Amino acid sequence: MGFGNVTSTSKTIKTIDTEKKISVLIVEDDLIQKIHKVIMTKFGTEVQLAANGKEAVDLFLSGASFDPILTDLEMPIMDGIEATKQLRSMGVTSMIVGVTSRNQYSEIQAFMKSGLNACYVKPLNAEKVTAVLNELKNN
């Protein structure tokens, strides 16, 4: 995989140049969903949205596949912890990254223990996305 550049108003954003486009699932129930979609799209990824953990689980049950999955902690119907546990119990090996407004160590640790590969405090930015995509590239 090589890196290309996308220029924004204030910075240059690295994109991953692949034969197969990276398909990202953003599991988020509020306005930040749209912000994260814009950021991920600027990195050259395909983005699918799910409004809660149940929608994410249902997508995988229907045969969809995403790598990585970015999930919020707090959502209606099914939260990020339960969704991550269910996805892992279904055998999903995709990189799952928690994205939360919570920054208490104990809450982030509980989220991580559900099966996350990483967890970031909202909102995503170019630096955090680059870290996720580099980790994905290296695995």
C-alpha atoms as a PDB file:
ATOM      1  CA  MET A   1       0.000   0.000   0.000  1.00  0.00           C
ATOM      2  CA  GLY A   2       1.249   3.442  -0.802  1.00  0.00           C
ATOM      3  CA  PHE A   3       0.237   6.783   0.535  1.00  0.00           C
ATOM      4  CA  GLY A   4      -1.137   9.674  -1.485  1.00  0.00           C
ATOM      5  CA  ASN A   5      -1.993  13.159  -0.319  1.00  0.00           C
ATOM      6  CA  VAL A   6      -5.259  15.021   0.021  1.00  0.00           C
ATOM      7  CA  THR A   7      -4.984  18.718   0.708  1.00  0.00           C
ATOM      8  CA  SER A   8      -7.425  20.344   3.091  1.00  0.00           C
ATOM      9  CA  THR A   9      -7.610  23.997   4.045  1.00  0.00           C
ATOM     10  CA  SER A  10      -4.959  23.739   6.725  1.00  0.00           C
ATOM     11  CA  LYS A  11      -3.133  20.438   6.327  1.00  0.00           C
ATOM     12  CA  THR A  12      -2.207  17.681   4.009  1.00  0.00           C
ATOM     13  CA  ILE A  13      -3.996  14.422   4.749  1.00  0.00           C
ATOM     14  CA  LYS A  14      -2.423  11.121   3.815  1.00  0.00           C
ATOM     15  CA  THR A  15      -4.606   8.629   2.009  1.00  0.00           C
ATOM     16  CA  ILE A  16      -3.941   4.962   1.624  1.00  0.00           C
ATOM     17  CA  ASP A  17      -3.593   3.918  -1.989  1.00  0.00           C
ATOM     18  CA  THR A  18      -4.736   0.304  -2.338  1.00  0.00           C
ATOM     19  CA  GLU A  19      -5.991  -2.013  -5.027  1.00  0.00           C
ATOM     20  CA  LYS A  20      -9.057  -2.637  -2.865  1.00  0.00           C
ATOM     21  CA  LYS A  21     -10.599   0.364  -1.166  1.00  0.00           C
ATOM     22  CA  ILE A  22     -10.778   0.256   2.613  1.00  0.00           C
ATOM     23  CA  SER A  23     -14.368  -0.096   3.756  1.00  0.00           C
ATOM     24  CA  VAL A  24     -15.088   1.555   7.107  1.00  0.00           C
ATOM     25  CA  LEU A  25     -18.168   1.076   9.264  1.00  0.00           C
ATOM     26  CA  ILE A  26     -18.967   4.055  11.496  1.00  0.00           C
ATOM     27  CA  VAL A  27     -21.314   3.094  14.326  1.00  0.00           C
ATOM     28  CA  GLU A  28     -22.504   6.343  15.842  1.00  0.00           C
ATOM     29  CA  ASP A  29     -25.879   7.809  16.782  1.00  0.00           C
ATOM     30  CA  ASP A  30     -25.354  11.555  16.650  1.00  0.00           C
ATOM     31  CA  LEU A  31     -24.091  14.433  14.529  1.00  0.00           C
ATOM     32  CA  ILE A  32     -20.471  13.379  15.014  1.00  0.00           C
ATOM     33  CA  GLN A  33     -21.302  10.495  12.647  1.00  0.00           C
ATOM     34  CA  LYS A  34     -21.329  12.923   9.725  1.00  0.00           C
ATOM     35  CA  ILE A  35     -18.075  14.566  10.828  1.00  0.00           C
ATOM     36  CA  HIS A  36     -16.346  11.191  11.076  1.00  0.00           C
ATOM     37  CA  LYS A  37     -17.710  10.227   7.661  1.00  0.00           C
ATOM     38  CA  VAL A  38     -16.234  13.366   6.072  1.00  0.00           C
ATOM     39  CA  ILE A  39     -12.842  12.732   7.691  1.00  0.00           C
ATOM     40  CA  MET A  40     -12.732   9.062   6.656  1.00  0.00           C
ATOM     41  CA  THR A  41     -13.825   9.918   3.110  1.00  0.00           C
ATOM     42  CA  LYS A  42     -10.959  12.423   2.827  1.00  0.00           C
ATOM     43  CA  PHE A  43      -8.626   9.501   3.517  1.00  0.00           C
ATOM     44  CA  GLY A  44      -9.992   7.676   0.479  1.00  0.00           C
ATOM     45  CA  THR A  45     -12.090   5.110   2.317  1.00  0.00           C
ATOM     46  CA  GLU A  46     -15.587   3.863   1.557  1.00  0.00           C
ATOM     47  CA  VAL A  47     -17.898   4.582   4.477  1.00  0.00           C
ATOM     48  CA  GLN A  48     -21.039   2.818   5.687  1.00  0.00           C
ATOM     49  CA  LEU A  49     -23.030   4.251   8.602  1.00  0.00           C
ATOM     50  CA  ALA A  50     -24.912   2.461  11.368  1.00  0.00           C
ATOM     51  CA  ALA A  51     -26.906   4.389  13.998  1.00  0.00           C
ATOM     52  CA  ASN A  52     -26.405   1.844  16.799  1.00  0.00           C
ATOM     53  CA  GLY A  53     -24.687  -1.409  17.685  1.00  0.00           C
ATOM     54  CA  LYS A  54     -27.616  -3.578  16.620  1.00  0.00           C
ATOM     55  CA  GLU A  55     -27.460  -2.162  13.086  1.00  0.00           C
ATOM     56  CA  ALA A  56     -23.728  -2.969  13.013  1.00  0.00           C
ATOM     57  CA  VAL A  57     -24.291  -6.559  14.161  1.00  0.00           C
ATOM     58  CA  ASP A  58     -27.134  -6.961  11.645  1.00  0.00           C
ATOM     59  CA  LEU A  59     -24.869  -5.758   8.812  1.00  0.00           C
ATOM     60  CA  PHE A  60     -22.328  -8.476   9.627  1.00  0.00           C
ATOM     61  CA  LEU A  61     -25.086 -11.085  10.010  1.00  0.00           C
ATOM     62  CA  SER A  62     -26.244 -10.190   6.494  1.00  0.00           C
ATOM     63  CA  GLY A  63     -22.753 -10.881   5.135  1.00  0.00           C
ATOM     64  CA  ALA A  64     -21.276  -7.381   5.053  1.00  0.00           C
ATOM     65  CA  SER A  65     -17.617  -6.918   5.882  1.00  0.00           C
ATOM     66  CA  PHE A  66     -15.740  -3.834   7.080  1.00  0.00           C
ATOM     67  CA  ASP A  67     -12.231  -3.173   8.274  1.00  0.00           C
ATOM     68  CA  PRO A  68     -11.999  -1.089  10.385  1.00  0.00           C
ATOM     69  CA  ILE A  69     -15.127  -0.558  12.471  1.00  0.00           C
ATOM     70  CA  LEU A  70     -15.330   2.724  14.399  1.00  0.00           C
ATOM     71  CA  THR A  71     -17.878   2.532  17.193  1.00  0.00           C
ATOM     72  CA  ASP A  72     -19.209   4.916  19.794  1.00  0.00           C
ATOM     73  CA  LEU A  73     -19.582   3.733  23.391  1.00  0.00           C
ATOM     74  CA  GLU A  74     -22.988   5.196  24.198  1.00  0.00           C
ATOM     75  CA  MET A  75     -25.818   4.561  21.734  1.00  0.00           C
ATOM     76  CA  PRO A  76     -29.488   3.636  21.958  1.00  0.00           C
ATOM     77  CA  ILE A  77     -30.711   0.063  21.370  1.00  0.00           C
ATOM     78  CA  MET A  78     -27.223  -1.518  21.642  1.00  0.00           C
ATOM     79  CA  ASP A  79     -24.138   0.251  22.966  1.00  0.00           C
ATOM     80  CA  GLY A  80     -20.576  -0.122  21.713  1.00  0.00           C
ATOM     81  CA  ILE A  81     -19.532  -2.581  24.423  1.00  0.00           C
ATOM     82  CA  GLU A  82     -22.359  -5.023  23.667  1.00  0.00           C
ATOM     83  CA  ALA A  83     -21.942  -4.630  19.898  1.00  0.00           C
ATOM     84  CA  THR A  84     -18.205  -5.310  20.129  1.00  0.00           C
ATOM     85  CA  LYS A  85     -18.778  -8.383  22.317  1.00  0.00           C
ATOM     86  CA  GLN A  86     -21.367  -9.732  19.874  1.00  0.00           C
ATOM     87  CA  LEU A  87     -19.192  -9.076  16.827  1.00  0.00           C
ATOM     88  CA  ARG A  88     -16.238 -10.850  18.451  1.00  0.00           C
ATOM     89  CA  SER A  89     -18.443 -13.789  19.497  1.00  0.00           C
ATOM     90  CA  MET A  90     -19.561 -14.065  15.852  1.00  0.00           C
ATOM     91  CA  GLY A  91     -15.928 -14.443  14.832  1.00  0.00           C
ATOM     92  CA  VAL A  92     -15.463 -10.944  13.409  1.00  0.00           C
ATOM     93  CA  THR A  93     -11.716 -10.283  13.276  1.00  0.00           C
ATOM     94  CA  SER A  94     -11.903  -6.766  11.810  1.00  0.00           C
ATOM     95  CA  MET A  95     -10.110  -3.996  13.654  1.00  0.00           C
ATOM     96  CA  ILE A  96     -12.654  -2.436  16.031  1.00  0.00           C
ATOM     97  CA  VAL A  97     -11.855   1.045  17.307  1.00  0.00           C
ATOM     98  CA  GLY A  98     -13.831   2.715  20.055  1.00  0.00           C
ATOM     99  CA  VAL A  99     -14.512   6.425  19.666  1.00  0.00           C
ATOM    100  CA  THR A 100     -16.010   7.982  22.771  1.00  0.00           C
ATOM    101  CA  SER A 101     -16.650  11.302  24.462  1.00  0.00           C
ATOM    102  CA  ARG A 102     -15.865   9.603  27.788  1.00  0.00           C
ATOM    103  CA  ASN A 103     -12.321  10.058  28.985  1.00  0.00           C
ATOM    104  CA  GLN A 104     -12.374   8.336  32.365  1.00  0.00           C
ATOM    105  CA  TYR A 105      -9.780   5.591  32.502  1.00  0.00           C
ATOM    106  CA  SER A 106     -12.202   3.028  33.990  1.00  0.00           C
ATOM    107  CA  GLU A 107     -14.788   3.575  31.235  1.00  0.00           C
ATOM    108  CA  ILE A 108     -12.208   3.336  28.474  1.00  0.00           C
ATOM    109  CA  GLN A 109     -10.762   0.161  30.057  1.00  0.00           C
ATOM    110  CA  ALA A 110     -14.228  -1.432  30.215  1.00  0.00           C
ATOM    111  CA  PHE A 111     -14.747  -0.534  26.543  1.00  0.00           C
ATOM    112  CA  MET A 112     -11.333  -1.970  25.605  1.00  0.00           C
ATOM    113  CA  LYS A 113     -12.072  -5.235  27.446  1.00  0.00           C
ATOM    114  CA  SER A 114     -15.111  -5.803  25.225  1.00  0.00           C
ATOM    115  CA  GLY A 115     -12.731  -6.618  22.360  1.00  0.00           C
ATOM    116  CA  LEU A 116     -11.550  -3.296  20.937  1.00  0.00           C
ATOM    117  CA  ASN A 117      -8.189  -2.975  19.213  1.00  0.00           C
ATOM    118  CA  ALA A 118      -7.913   0.708  20.188  1.00  0.00           C
ATOM    119  CA  CYS A 119      -9.953   3.540  21.678  1.00  0.00           C
ATOM    120  CA  TYR A 120      -9.857   7.295  21.032  1.00  0.00           C
ATOM    121  CA  VAL A 121     -11.611  10.257  22.613  1.00  0.00           C
ATOM    122  CA  LYS A 122     -13.883  12.130  20.171  1.00  0.00           C
ATOM    123  CA  PRO A 123     -13.687  13.655  17.755  1.00  0.00           C
ATOM    124  CA  LEU A 124     -11.525  11.851  15.257  1.00  0.00           C
ATOM    125  CA  ASN A 125      -8.888  13.959  13.576  1.00  0.00           C
ATOM    126  CA  ALA A 126      -6.288  13.386  10.865  1.00  0.00           C
ATOM    127  CA  GLU A 127      -3.691  12.175  13.370  1.00  0.00           C
ATOM    128  CA  LYS A 128      -6.011   9.567  14.923  1.00  0.00           C
ATOM    129  CA  VAL A 129      -7.243   8.336  11.541  1.00  0.00           C
ATOM    130  CA  THR A 130      -3.664   8.024  10.289  1.00  0.00           C
ATOM    131  CA  ALA A 131      -2.822   5.902  13.342  1.00  0.00           C
ATOM    132  CA  VAL A 132      -5.812   3.614  12.687  1.00  0.00           C
ATOM    133  CA  LEU A 133      -5.034   3.227   8.995  1.00  0.00           C
ATOM    134  CA  ASN A 134      -1.339   2.602   9.659  1.00  0.00           C
ATOM    135  CA  GLU A 135      -2.227  -0.106  12.176  1.00  0.00           C
ATOM    136  CA  LEU A 136      -4.598  -1.642   9.645  1.00  0.00           C
ATOM    137  CA  LYS A 137      -1.915  -1.507   6.949  1.00  0.00           C
ATOM    138  CA  ASN A 138       0.644  -3.202   9.217  1.00  0.00           C
ATOM    139  CA  ASN A 139      -1.611  -6.138  10.108  1.00  0.00           C
END
